[in-house]
C-alpha atoms as a PDB file:
ATOM      1  CA  MET A   1      -0.455   0.290   0.282  1.00  0.00           C
ATOM      2  CA  ARG A   2       1.538   3.065  -1.346  1.00  0.00           C
ATOM      3  CA  ILE A   3       0.756   5.912   1.459  1.00  0.00           C
ATOM      4  CA  ASP A   4       0.245  10.019   0.058  1.00  0.00           C
ATOM      5  CA  TRP A   5       2.328  12.102   2.423  1.00  0.00           C
ATOM      6  CA  TRP A   6       1.044  15.111   0.744  1.00  0.00           C
ATOM      7  CA  THR A   7      -2.283  14.375   1.184  1.00  0.00           C
ATOM      8  CA  LEU A   8      -1.806  12.707   4.342  1.00  0.00           C
ATOM      9  CA  ALA A   9      -0.073  16.311   5.366  1.00  0.00           C
ATOM     10  CA  LEU A  10      -2.487  18.310   3.799  1.00  0.00           C
ATOM     11  CA  GLN A  11      -5.334  16.536   6.057  1.00  0.00           C
ATOM     12  CA  THR A  12      -3.488  16.956   8.902  1.00  0.00           C
ATOM     13  CA  VAL A  13      -3.601  20.480   8.830  1.00  0.00           C
ATOM     14  CA  ASN A  14      -7.156  20.996   7.456  1.00  0.00           C
ATOM     15  CA  VAL A  15      -8.247  18.776  10.604  1.00  0.00           C
ATOM     16  CA  LEU A  16      -5.575  21.306  12.474  1.00  0.00           C
ATOM     17  CA  VAL A  17      -7.252  24.419  11.008  1.00  0.00           C
ATOM     18  CA  LEU A  18     -10.830  22.779  12.135  1.00  0.00           C
ATOM     19  CA  ILE A  19      -9.533  22.343  15.395  1.00  0.00           C
ATOM     20  CA  TRP A  20      -8.192  25.804  15.396  1.00  0.00           C
ATOM     21  CA  LEU A  21     -11.531  27.134  13.878  1.00  0.00           C
ATOM     22  CA  LEU A  22     -13.518  25.395  16.020  1.00  0.00           C
ATOM     23  CA  ASP A  23     -11.595  26.331  19.311  1.00  0.00           C
ATOM     24  CA  ARG A  24     -11.455  29.795  18.086  1.00  0.00           C
ATOM     25  CA  PHE A  25     -15.257  30.103  16.924  1.00  0.00           C
ATOM     26  CA  PHE A  26     -17.460  27.562  18.802  1.00  0.00           C
ATOM     27  CA  PHE A  27     -15.320  26.021  21.706  1.00  0.00           C
ATOM     28  CA  HIS A  28     -14.464  28.789  23.310  1.00  0.00           C
ATOM     29  CA  PRO A  29     -17.376  31.051  22.944  1.00  0.00           C
ATOM     30  CA  ILE A  30     -19.523  27.508  23.680  1.00  0.00           C
ATOM     31  CA  MET A  31     -17.388  27.674  27.525  1.00  0.00           C
ATOM     32  CA  ASP A  32     -17.466  31.531  27.952  1.00  0.00           C
ATOM     33  CA  ILE A  33     -21.587  31.529  27.562  1.00  0.00           C
ATOM     34  CA  ILE A  34     -21.182  28.079  29.783  1.00  0.00           C
ATOM     35  CA  ALA A  35     -18.744  29.899  32.464  1.00  0.00           C
ATOM     36  CA  LYS A  36     -21.268  33.021  32.608  1.00  0.00           C
ATOM     37  CA  ARG A  37     -24.100  30.733  33.067  1.00  0.00           C
ATOM     38  CA  GLN A  38     -22.150  29.122  35.097  1.00  0.00           C
ATOM     39  CA  GLN A  39     -21.432  32.260  37.359  1.00  0.00           C
ATOM     40  CA  GLU A  40     -25.213  33.037  36.980  1.00  0.00           C
ATOM     41  CA  ALA A  41     -26.385  30.024  38.811  1.00  0.00           C
ATOM     42  CA  ASP A  42     -23.321  30.062  41.014  1.00  0.00           C
ATOM     43  CA  LYS A  43     -25.198  34.104  42.252  1.00  0.00           C
ATOM     44  CA  LEU A  44     -29.007  32.305  42.041  1.00  0.00           C
ATOM     45  CA  LEU A  45     -28.073  30.007  44.145  1.00  0.00           C
ATOM     46  CA  SER A  46     -25.711  32.013  46.647  1.00  0.00           C
ATOM     47  CA  ASP A  47     -28.941  34.639  46.459  1.00  0.00           C
ATOM     48  CA  ALA A  48     -31.104  31.895  46.852  1.00  0.00           C
ATOM     49  CA  ALA A  49     -28.964  30.399  50.198  1.00  0.00           C
ATOM     50  CA  ASP A  50     -29.033  34.216  51.166  1.00  0.00           C
ATOM     51  CA  VAL A  51     -32.638  34.956  50.630  1.00  0.00           C
ATOM     52  CA  ARG A  52     -32.672  31.328  52.520  1.00  0.00           C
ATOM     53  CA  ASP A  53     -30.850  32.013  55.827  1.00  0.00           C
ATOM     54  CA  ARG A  54     -32.276  35.608  55.564  1.00  0.00           C
ATOM     55  CA  ALA A  55     -35.530  33.910  56.318  1.00  0.00           C
ATOM     56  CA  ALA A  56     -34.452  31.532  58.450  1.00  0.00           C
ATOM     57  CA  ASP A  57     -33.424  34.770  60.241  1.00  0.00           C
ATOM     58  CA  GLU A  58     -36.369  36.174  60.224  1.00  0.00           C
ATOM     59  CA  ARG A  59     -38.437  33.009  60.769  1.00  0.00           C
ATOM     60  CA  ALA A  60     -36.196  32.915  64.349  1.00  0.00           C
ATOM     61  CA  ALA A  61     -37.129  36.110  64.873  1.00  0.00           C
ATOM     62  CA  ALA A  62     -40.652  36.147  64.304  1.00  0.00           C
ATOM     63  CA  GLU A  63     -40.652  32.920  66.635  1.00  0.00           C
ATOM     64  CA  LYS A  64     -39.083  34.772  68.708  1.00  0.00           C
ATOM     65  CA  ALA A  65     -41.269  38.006  69.332  1.00  0.00           C
ATOM     66  CA  SER A  66     -44.002  35.794  69.211  1.00  0.00           C
ATOM     67  CA  ASN A  67     -42.655  33.979  72.487  1.00  0.00           C
ATOM     68  CA  GLU A  68     -41.916  36.972  73.546  1.00  0.00           C
ATOM     69  CA  LEU A  69     -44.515  38.037  72.964  1.00  0.00           C
ATOM     70  CA  ALA A  70     -47.080  34.995  74.127  1.00  0.00           C
ATOM     71  CA  ALA A  71     -44.929  35.637  77.156  1.00  0.00           C
ATOM     72  CA  GLU A  72     -45.054  38.976  77.881  1.00  0.00           C
ATOM     73  CA  ARG A  73     -49.573  38.131  77.362  1.00  0.00           C
ATOM     74  CA  GLU A  74     -49.055  35.865  79.449  1.00  0.00           C
ATOM     75  CA  HIS A  75     -47.231  38.524  82.330  1.00  0.00           C
ATOM     76  CA  LEU A  76     -49.891  40.771  81.239  1.00  0.00           C
ATOM     77  CA  LEU A  77     -52.676  38.334  82.258  1.00  0.00           C
ATOM     78  CA  ALA A  78     -51.232  36.929  84.965  1.00  0.00           C
ATOM     79  CA  ASP A  79     -50.611  41.028  86.682  1.00  0.00           C
ATOM     80  CA  ALA A  80     -54.156  41.590  85.621  1.00  0.00           C
ATOM     81  CA  ARG A  81     -55.224  37.812  87.098  1.00  0.00           C
ATOM     82  CA  LYS A  82     -53.427  39.450  90.568  1.00  0.00           C
ATOM     83  CA  ALA A  83     -54.895  43.330  89.726  1.00  0.00           C
ATOM     84  CA  ALA A  84     -58.026  41.775  89.876  1.00  0.00           C
ATOM     85  CA  GLU A  85     -58.148  39.515  92.957  1.00  0.00           C
ATOM     86  CA  ILE A  86     -56.606  42.106  95.127  1.00  0.00           C
ATOM     87  CA  GLU A  87     -59.288  44.368  94.457  1.00  0.00           C
ATOM     88  CA  HIS A  88     -61.853  42.289  95.060  1.00  0.00           C
ATOM     89  CA  ASP A  89     -60.374  41.059  98.207  1.00  0.00           C
ATOM     90  CA  LYS A  90     -59.655  45.535  98.722  1.00  0.00           C
ATOM     91  CA  LEU A  91     -63.615  45.253  97.687  1.00  0.00           C
ATOM     92  CA  LEU A  92     -64.550  42.489  99.509  1.00  0.00           C
ATOM     93  CA  ALA A  93     -62.555  43.774 103.119  1.00  0.00           C
ATOM     94  CA  GLN A  94     -64.025  47.316 101.910  1.00  0.00           C
ATOM     95  CA  SER A  95     -67.928  46.144 101.763  1.00  0.00           C
ATOM     96  CA  THR A  96     -67.223  44.667 105.074  1.00  0.00           C
ATOM     97  CA  GLN A  97     -66.144  47.221 106.943  1.00  0.00           C
ATOM     98  CA  GLU A  98     -68.731  49.302 105.524  1.00  0.00           C
ATOM     99  CA  ILE A  99     -71.689  46.317 106.705  1.00  0.00           C
ATOM    100  CA  LYS A 100     -70.567  46.006 109.840  1.00  0.00           C
ATOM    101  CA  LYS A 101     -69.936  50.027 110.249  1.00  0.00           C
ATOM    102  CA  LEU A 102     -73.657  50.240 109.559  1.00  0.00           C
ATOM    103  CA  ARG A 103     -74.627  47.592 111.557  1.00  0.00           C
ATOM    104  CA  GLU A 104     -72.820  49.633 114.365  1.00  0.00           C
ATOM    105  CA  GLU A 105     -74.893  52.383 113.000  1.00  0.00           C
ATOM    106  CA  ALA A 106     -78.324  51.092 113.065  1.00  0.00           C
ATOM    107  CA  ALA A 107     -76.918  48.938 115.982  1.00  0.00           C
ATOM    108  CA  ALA A 108     -76.371  52.819 117.878  1.00  0.00           C
ATOM    109  CA  GLY A 109     -79.724  54.115 116.468  1.00  0.00           C
ATOM    110  CA  ILE A 110     -81.344  51.649 117.970  1.00  0.00           C
ATOM    111  CA  ALA A 111     -79.791  52.047 121.286  1.00  0.00           C
ATOM    112  CA  ARG A 112     -80.812  55.441 121.042  1.00  0.00           C
ATOM    113  CA  GLU A 113     -83.657  55.143 120.255  1.00  0.00           C
ATOM    114  CA  ARG A 114     -84.352  52.767 122.670  1.00  0.00           C
ATOM    115  CA  ALA A 115     -82.521  54.987 125.384  1.00  0.00           C
ATOM    116  CA  THR A 116     -84.401  58.070 124.195  1.00  0.00           C
ATOM    117  CA  ALA A 117     -87.709  56.380 124.402  1.00  0.00           C
ATOM    118  CA  GLY A 118     -87.010  54.849 127.833  1.00  0.00           C
ATOM    119  CA  ALA A 119     -85.736  57.927 128.745  1.00  0.00           C
ATOM    120  CA  ALA A 120     -89.028  60.128 127.758  1.00  0.00           C
ATOM    121  CA  ILE A 121     -90.668  57.181 129.295  1.00  0.00           C
ATOM    122  CA  ILE A 122     -88.994  58.027 132.787  1.00  0.00           C
ATOM    123  CA  GLU A 123     -89.456  61.514 132.401  1.00  0.00           C
ATOM    124  CA  HIS A 124     -92.893  61.238 131.536  1.00  0.00           C
ATOM    125  CA  ALA A 125     -93.137  58.730 134.814  1.00  0.00           C
ATOM    126  CA  SER A 126     -90.910  61.115 136.652  1.00  0.00           C
ATOM    127  CA  ASP A 127     -93.364  63.984 136.118  1.00  0.00           C
ATOM    128  CA  LEU A 128     -96.417  61.978 136.827  1.00  0.00           C
ATOM    129  CA  SER A 129     -94.922  60.729 140.395  1.00  0.00           C
ATOM    130  CA  VAL A 130     -94.460  64.033 140.650  1.00  0.00           C
ATOM    131  CA  GLU A 131     -97.966  65.571 140.074  1.00  0.00           C
ATOM    132  CA  ILE A 132     -98.922  62.682 142.016  1.00  0.00           C
ATOM    133  CA  ALA A 133     -97.047  63.370 144.700  1.00  0.00           C
ATOM    134  CA  TRP A 134     -98.003  67.188 144.316  1.00  0.00           C
ATOM    135  CA  ARG A 135    -101.534  66.345 144.477  1.00  0.00           C
ATOM    136  CA  LEU A 136    -101.467  64.054 147.246  1.00  0.00           C
ATOM    137  CA  LEU A 137     -99.267  66.442 149.274  1.00  0.00           C
ATOM    138  CA  ALA A 138    -102.032  69.281 148.328  1.00  0.00           C
ATOM    139  CA  ARG A 139    -104.312  67.474 150.027  1.00  0.00           C
ATOM    140  CA  PHE A 140    -102.603  68.272 153.498  1.00  0.00           C
ATOM    141  CA  ARG A 141    -103.852  71.278 155.548  1.00  0.00           C
ATOM    142  CA  GLN A 142    -100.978  73.347 156.443  1.00  0.00           C
ATOM    143  CA  GLN A 143    -102.179  74.097 160.276  1.00  0.00           C
ATOM    144  CA  ASP A 144    -101.630  70.346 160.256  1.00  0.00           C
ATOM    145  CA  LEU A 145     -98.187  70.003 159.427  1.00  0.00           C
ATOM    146  CA  LEU A 146     -96.661  73.958 159.345  1.00  0.00           C
ATOM    147  CA  PRO A 147     -94.856  73.393 163.144  1.00  0.00           C
ATOM    148  CA  THR A 148     -92.948  70.751 161.561  1.00  0.00           C
ATOM    149  CA  PHE A 149     -91.405  72.995 158.440  1.00  0.00           C
ATOM    150  CA  ILE A 150     -90.868  75.443 160.995  1.00  0.00           C
ATOM    151  CA  ASP A 151     -88.464  73.464 162.809  1.00  0.00           C
ATOM    152  CA  GLY A 152     -87.017  72.431 159.772  1.00  0.00           C
ATOM    153  CA  ILE A 153     -86.705  75.125 158.342  1.00  0.00           C
ATOM    154  CA  GLY A 154     -84.424  76.507 161.396  1.00  0.00           C
ATOM    155  CA  HIS A 155     -82.703  73.516 161.110  1.00  0.00           C
ATOM    156  CA  GLU A 156     -81.494  74.178 157.864  1.00  0.00           C
ATOM    157  CA  LEU A 157     -80.558  78.067 158.617  1.00  0.00           C
ATOM    158  CA  ARG A 158     -78.451  76.075 161.444  1.00  0.00           C
ATOM    159  CA  ALA A 159     -76.919  74.260 158.913  1.00  0.00           C
ATOM    160  CA  LEU A 160     -75.390  77.299 156.754  1.00  0.00           C
ATOM    161  CA  SER A 161     -72.040  78.398 157.756  1.00  0.00           C
ATOM    162  CA  VAL A 162     -71.689  81.773 159.658  1.00  0.00           C
ATOM    163  CA  GLU A 163     -70.870  83.997 156.549  1.00  0.00           C
ATOM    164  CA  ALA A 164     -74.090  82.790 155.287  1.00  0.00           C
ATOM    165  CA  ARG A 165     -76.217  83.727 157.572  1.00  0.00           C
ATOM    166  CA  GLU A 166     -74.269  87.034 158.563  1.00  0.00           C
ATOM    167  CA  ASN A 167     -75.269  87.683 154.986  1.00  0.00           C
ATOM    168  CA  LEU A 168     -78.647  87.422 155.364  1.00  0.00           C
ATOM    169  CA  VAL A 169     -79.114  89.679 158.464  1.00  0.00           C
ATOM    170  CA  SER A 170     -76.679  92.096 157.106  1.00  0.00           C
ATOM    171  CA  ALA A 171     -78.889  92.005 153.393  1.00  0.00           C
ATOM    172  CA  ALA A 172     -82.361  92.300 155.840  1.00  0.00           C
ATOM    173  CA  MET A 173     -80.958  95.169 158.199  1.00  0.00           C
ATOM    174  CA  GLU A 174     -79.956  97.383 155.287  1.00  0.00           C
ATOM    175  CA  GLY A 175     -83.640  97.221 154.007  1.00  0.00           C
ATOM    176  CA  HIS A 176     -84.351  93.691 152.133  1.00  0.00           C
ATOM    177  CA  PRO A 177     -86.628  92.453 154.752  1.00  0.00           C
ATOM    178  CA  LEU A 178     -86.326  88.561 154.610  1.00  0.00           C
ATOM    179  CA  GLU A 179     -89.139  87.144 152.598  1.00  0.00           C
ATOM    180  CA  VAL A 180     -91.131  84.522 154.095  1.00  0.00           C
ATOM    181  CA  VAL A 181     -93.133  82.578 152.246  1.00  0.00           C
ATOM    182  CA  SER A 182     -96.074  79.768 152.728  1.00  0.00           C
ATOM    183  CA  ALA A 183     -98.653  78.266 151.279  1.00  0.00           C
ATOM    184  CA  ALA A 184    -101.266  80.114 152.519  1.00  0.00           C
ATOM    185  CA  PRO A 185    -101.254  82.765 154.582  1.00  0.00           C
ATOM    186  CA  LEU A 186     -99.903  82.430 158.257  1.00  0.00           C
ATOM    187  CA  ALA A 187    -101.925  82.894 161.500  1.00  0.00           C
ATOM    188  CA  ASP A 188    -100.528  85.342 163.578  1.00  0.00           C
ATOM    189  CA  LEU A 189     -99.294  82.181 165.981  1.00  0.00           C
ATOM    190  CA  GLU A 190     -97.626  80.483 163.622  1.00  0.00           C
ATOM    191  CA  ILE A 191     -96.025  84.245 162.526  1.00  0.00           C
ATOM    192  CA  GLN A 192     -94.623  84.463 166.302  1.00  0.00           C
ATOM    193  CA  CYS A 193     -93.642  81.052 165.493  1.00  0.00           C
ATOM    194  CA  ILE A 194     -91.159  81.867 162.760  1.00  0.00           C
ATOM    195  CA  GLN A 195     -89.971  84.507 163.919  1.00  0.00           C
ATOM    196  CA  SER A 196     -89.190  83.132 167.827  1.00  0.00           C
ATOM    197  CA  VAL A 197     -86.802  80.968 165.926  1.00  0.00           C
ATOM    198  CA  LEU A 198     -85.014  82.826 163.284  1.00  0.00           C
ATOM    199  CA  LYS A 199     -84.598  85.040 166.386  1.00  0.00           C
ATOM    200  CA  GLN A 200     -82.799  81.621 167.846  1.00  0.00           C
ATOM    201  CA  VAL A 201     -80.785  80.969 165.182  1.00  0.00           C
ATOM    202  CA  PHE A 202     -78.963  85.050 164.016  1.00  0.00           C
ATOM    203  CA  GLY A 203     -79.557  85.773 167.303  1.00  0.00           C
ATOM    204  CA  ARG A 204     -81.163  88.647 166.786  1.00  0.00           C
ATOM    205  CA  GLU A 205     -84.748  90.267 165.915  1.00  0.00           C
ATOM    206  CA  VAL A 206     -84.577  89.929 161.898  1.00  0.00           C
ATOM    207  CA  PRO A 207     -87.097  92.221 159.354  1.00  0.00           C
ATOM    208  CA  MET A 208     -89.337  90.118 157.498  1.00  0.00           C
ATOM    209  CA  ALA A 209     -91.964  90.084 154.963  1.00  0.00           C
ATOM    210  CA  PHE A 210     -94.477  87.034 154.366  1.00  0.00           C
ATOM    211  CA  ARG A 211     -96.457  86.205 151.613  1.00  0.00           C
ATOM    212  CA  SER A 212     -97.792  83.433 150.112  1.00  0.00           C
ATOM    213  CA  ASP A 213     -97.592  80.843 147.363  1.00  0.00           C
ATOM    214  CA  PRO A 214     -99.645  78.088 146.574  1.00  0.00           C
ATOM    215  CA  ALA A 215     -96.721  76.310 144.812  1.00  0.00           C
ATOM    216  CA  ILE A 216     -94.710  75.302 147.554  1.00  0.00           C
ATOM    217  CA  ILE A 217     -97.859  73.209 148.863  1.00  0.00           C
ATOM    218  CA  ASN A 218     -96.779  73.355 152.135  1.00  0.00           C
ATOM    219  CA  GLY A 219     -94.081  74.065 154.240  1.00  0.00           C
ATOM    220  CA  ILE A 220     -91.777  77.293 154.688  1.00  0.00           C
ATOM    221  CA  GLU A 221     -89.209  79.140 151.997  1.00  0.00           C
ATOM    222  CA  LEU A 222     -86.935  81.801 153.071  1.00  0.00           C
ATOM    223  CA  VAL A 223     -86.306  84.354 150.280  1.00  0.00           C
ATOM    224  CA  GLY A 224     -83.022  86.659 150.920  1.00  0.00           C
ATOM    225  CA  GLN A 225     -81.244  89.231 148.757  1.00  0.00           C
ATOM    226  CA  ASN A 226     -78.690  86.520 148.458  1.00  0.00           C
ATOM    227  CA  ALA A 227     -79.520  83.459 149.286  1.00  0.00           C
ATOM    228  CA  VAL A 228     -82.992  81.190 149.797  1.00  0.00           C
ATOM    229  CA  VAL A 229     -83.280  78.885 152.076  1.00  0.00           C
ATOM    230  CA  ARG A 230     -86.427  76.171 151.588  1.00  0.00           C
ATOM    231  CA  ASN A 231     -87.861  73.417 154.047  1.00  0.00           C
ATOM    232  CA  SER A 232     -91.305  72.565 151.601  1.00  0.00           C
ATOM    233  CA  TRP A 233     -92.762  69.479 149.489  1.00  0.00           C
ATOM    234  CA  ARG A 234     -92.303  72.283 146.224  1.00  0.00           C
ATOM    235  CA  SER A 235     -88.274  71.773 147.215  1.00  0.00           C
ATOM    236  CA  ASP A 236     -88.496  68.175 148.245  1.00  0.00           C
ATOM    237  CA  LEU A 237     -89.930  67.125 144.779  1.00  0.00           C
ATOM    238  CA  ASP A 238     -87.712  69.603 142.961  1.00  0.00           C
ATOM    239  CA  ARG A 239     -85.362  67.166 144.437  1.00  0.00           C
ATOM    240  CA  ILE A 240     -86.564  64.306 143.044  1.00  0.00           C
ATOM    241  CA  ARG A 241     -87.048  65.464 140.388  1.00  0.00           C
ATOM    242  CA  HIS A 242     -83.362  66.385 139.804  1.00  0.00           C
ATOM    243  CA  GLU A 243     -82.211  63.466 140.969  1.00  0.00           C
ATOM    244  CA  LEU A 244     -84.373  61.164 138.479  1.00  0.00           C
ATOM    245  CA  ASN A 245     -83.186  63.474 136.032  1.00  0.00           C
ATOM    246  CA  ARG A 246     -79.535  62.564 136.848  1.00  0.00           C
ATOM    247  CA  ASP A 247     -80.405  58.822 136.987  1.00  0.00           C
ATOM    248  CA  ARG A 248     -81.551  59.242 133.572  1.00  0.00           C
ATOM    249  CA  GLN A 249     -79.348  60.993 132.081  1.00  0.00           C
ATOM    250  CA  ALA A 250     -76.309  58.969 134.175  1.00  0.00           C
ATOM    251  CA  HIS A 251     -78.530  55.320 132.281  1.00  0.00           C
ATOM    252  CA  GLN A 252     -78.338  57.417 128.539  1.00  0.00           C
ATOM    253  CA  SER A 253     -73.945  58.317 128.929  1.00  0.00           C
END
C-alpha cells in the first residue's frame, strides 16, 4: 500500500485548522457562555442561599418575637389576674367594713332610739309621779304640818355657814327684809313661831315680810337678797325630780 504523504499532510493541516477554528469560534464562546451561565447559576444559588438564610433568620426572629409576645401576654394576664384578685379582696374587705359600720351605726341608732324612748318614758313617769305626789300632798292642811316645817327651816338655817347667816341678816337690816313664803297666809301665832325660831338662829330680831304661794304646796321658804332657804314640799319634789333626771342622764351616757 502506498501512502500519499502530501495528502496526509494536507488532511492533517485541515484537521488542525478545523480544530483551531472550532476552538476559536465555537468551543471558547460555548465555554464562556457555560462559564457565565455557571456564574449566574452560582450567583442565583448564592442569592437563594442568602434569601433562605435571611428567611430562616427572620423566621427565627419572628418565632422569638412571637414567644416573647406570648410570654409578655401571659405575664400581663397574670398581673391582671393578680391585680383583679387584690382589687376583689380590697373591695370585699371594704364592703365588709362598710357593712360592719352600717350594722354598728344601725345598732347604735336603735340603742339611741331605745334610750331616748326609755328616757322619755322615765321622764314622763317622773313627771307623772311628781304630779301625783304634788296632788296628794296638796290635800294636807298647812296648819297640821306647819310646826314641823318651822322647826325644819330653823335646822336648815343652822346648817348654813356663819358667813351665809350673817349675809342674810345684813341684807335684811339694810332694807331688804327676809321674805317668808308659805303655801297659805299665816296666822298670827304661826308668824310669832317663825319670828321666835329665826331670833334663836340669828341671835336677834330680823326684819321680815310675809307672802303666800300655793305652789310650794306646804312648808316654809325664806328668800333673802343673796340666798334662798327652803323647807317645803315643792323643794322636796324639785330635789326628787332633779335626782330622777340625773339618774336618767347617767343611764343614757
